[in-house]
Amino acid sequence: MAKIDDNCQMYFNDEAPSCFLEIKSIGSINPSEMAKPISDFVNEKMAVPIDRIYISFEDVPASLWAWNGRTFS
């Protein structure tokens, strides 16, 4: 699932393209292995420089996410 908001105001001393990603997963998240390929993908597809890509990773307990009327735990 993805949500993309365009033309968001992000201030880092200029108006160059930038990207902030929030990645949430139920288990099996490995930020140190995922950061580079995700950054490379965003750089290639959206022309955002690697040094302007920020990623927040969160490993969410299955008991805190629900779908179809029940949690994933």
C-alpha atoms as a PDB file:
ATOM      1  CA  MET A   1       0.000   0.000   0.000  1.00  0.00           C
ATOM      2  CA  ALA A   2       1.334   3.429  -0.845  1.00  0.00           C
ATOM      3  CA  LYS A   3       0.183   7.002  -0.404  1.00  0.00           C
ATOM      4  CA  ILE A   4       1.894   9.793  -2.294  1.00  0.00           C
ATOM      5  CA  ASP A   5       1.387  13.441  -1.419  1.00  0.00           C
ATOM      6  CA  ASP A   6       2.754  15.852  -4.005  1.00  0.00           C
ATOM      7  CA  ASN A   7       3.839  19.443  -3.417  1.00  0.00           C
ATOM      8  CA  CYS A   8       4.292  19.043   0.345  1.00  0.00           C
ATOM      9  CA  GLN A   9       6.265  21.760   2.050  1.00  0.00           C
ATOM     10  CA  MET A  10       9.599  20.427   3.322  1.00  0.00           C
ATOM     11  CA  TYR A  11      12.235  22.965   4.261  1.00  0.00           C
ATOM     12  CA  PHE A  12      15.916  22.078   4.182  1.00  0.00           C
ATOM     13  CA  ASN A  13      17.359  25.500   3.299  1.00  0.00           C
ATOM     14  CA  ASP A  14      16.214  25.294  -0.321  1.00  0.00           C
ATOM     15  CA  GLU A  15      13.410  24.130  -2.585  1.00  0.00           C
ATOM     16  CA  ALA A  16      15.182  21.180  -4.218  1.00  0.00           C
ATOM     17  CA  PRO A  17      13.145  17.963  -4.508  1.00  0.00           C
ATOM     18  CA  SER A  18      13.018  15.910  -1.341  1.00  0.00           C
ATOM     19  CA  CYS A  19      11.206  12.825  -0.131  1.00  0.00           C
ATOM     20  CA  PHE A  20      10.114  11.526   3.263  1.00  0.00           C
ATOM     21  CA  LEU A  21       9.020   7.882   3.439  1.00  0.00           C
ATOM     22  CA  GLU A  22       7.340   6.073   6.309  1.00  0.00           C
ATOM     23  CA  ILE A  23       7.652   2.314   6.048  1.00  0.00           C
ATOM     24  CA  LYS A  24       5.664   0.197   8.480  1.00  0.00           C
ATOM     25  CA  SER A  25       5.773  -3.569   8.581  1.00  0.00           C
ATOM     26  CA  ILE A  26       4.465  -6.397  10.701  1.00  0.00           C
ATOM     27  CA  GLY A  27       7.724  -8.203  11.402  1.00  0.00           C
ATOM     28  CA  SER A  28      10.621  -8.958   9.061  1.00  0.00           C
ATOM     29  CA  ILE A  29      11.755  -5.370   8.654  1.00  0.00           C
ATOM     30  CA  ASN A  30      15.476  -4.758   8.219  1.00  0.00           C
ATOM     31  CA  PRO A  31      16.197  -1.039   7.774  1.00  0.00           C
ATOM     32  CA  SER A  32      19.947  -1.463   7.250  1.00  0.00           C
ATOM     33  CA  GLU A  33      19.310  -3.746   4.252  1.00  0.00           C
ATOM     34  CA  MET A  34      16.272  -1.889   2.920  1.00  0.00           C
ATOM     35  CA  ALA A  35      17.441   1.748   3.028  1.00  0.00           C
ATOM     36  CA  LYS A  36      19.804   1.664   0.022  1.00  0.00           C
ATOM     37  CA  PRO A  37      17.556  -0.153  -2.494  1.00  0.00           C
ATOM     38  CA  ILE A  38      14.547   1.967  -1.516  1.00  0.00           C
ATOM     39  CA  SER A  39      16.570   5.172  -1.825  1.00  0.00           C
ATOM     40  CA  ASP A  40      17.948   4.050  -5.193  1.00  0.00           C
ATOM     41  CA  PHE A  41      14.407   3.308  -6.423  1.00  0.00           C
ATOM     42  CA  VAL A  42      13.089   6.725  -5.359  1.00  0.00           C
ATOM     43  CA  ASN A  43      16.129   8.409  -6.900  1.00  0.00           C
ATOM     44  CA  GLU A  44      15.667   6.583 -10.212  1.00  0.00           C
ATOM     45  CA  LYS A  45      11.879   6.868 -10.513  1.00  0.00           C
ATOM     46  CA  MET A  46      11.298  10.308  -8.987  1.00  0.00           C
ATOM     47  CA  ALA A  47      14.641  12.063  -9.591  1.00  0.00           C
ATOM     48  CA  VAL A  48      15.067  12.908  -5.902  1.00  0.00           C
ATOM     49  CA  PRO A  49      18.746  13.085  -4.951  1.00  0.00           C
ATOM     50  CA  ILE A  50      19.844  10.350  -2.534  1.00  0.00           C
ATOM     51  CA  ASP A  51      20.922  12.940   0.031  1.00  0.00           C
ATOM     52  CA  ARG A  52      17.377  14.387   0.030  1.00  0.00           C
ATOM     53  CA  ILE A  53      15.589  11.095   0.813  1.00  0.00           C
ATOM     54  CA  TYR A  54      14.580  10.455   4.418  1.00  0.00           C
ATOM     55  CA  ILE A  55      13.109   7.127   5.551  1.00  0.00           C
ATOM     56  CA  SER A  56      11.412   6.240   8.823  1.00  0.00           C
ATOM     57  CA  PHE A  57      11.091   2.507   9.518  1.00  0.00           C
ATOM     58  CA  GLU A  58       8.671   1.050  12.055  1.00  0.00           C
ATOM     59  CA  ASP A  59       8.164  -2.586  13.045  1.00  0.00           C
ATOM     60  CA  VAL A  60       4.523  -2.700  14.140  1.00  0.00           C
ATOM     61  CA  PRO A  61       3.261  -5.503  16.405  1.00  0.00           C
ATOM     62  CA  ALA A  62       0.586  -7.604  14.668  1.00  0.00           C
ATOM     63  CA  SER A  63      -1.743  -6.926  17.585  1.00  0.00           C
ATOM     64  CA  LEU A  64      -1.792  -3.204  16.699  1.00  0.00           C
ATOM     65  CA  TRP A  65      -2.886  -3.557  13.061  1.00  0.00           C
ATOM     66  CA  ALA A  66      -6.335  -4.673  12.011  1.00  0.00           C
ATOM     67  CA  TRP A  67      -8.022  -5.499   8.723  1.00  0.00           C
ATOM     68  CA  ASN A  68     -11.360  -7.028   7.930  1.00  0.00           C
ATOM     69  CA  GLY A  69     -12.573  -6.552  11.493  1.00  0.00           C
ATOM     70  CA  ARG A  70      -9.716  -8.228  13.361  1.00  0.00           C
ATOM     71  CA  THR A  71      -6.054  -7.794  14.206  1.00  0.00           C
ATOM     72  CA  PHE A  72      -3.268  -9.674  12.461  1.00  0.00           C
ATOM     73  CA  SER A  73      -2.207 -11.463  15.669  1.00  0.00           C
END
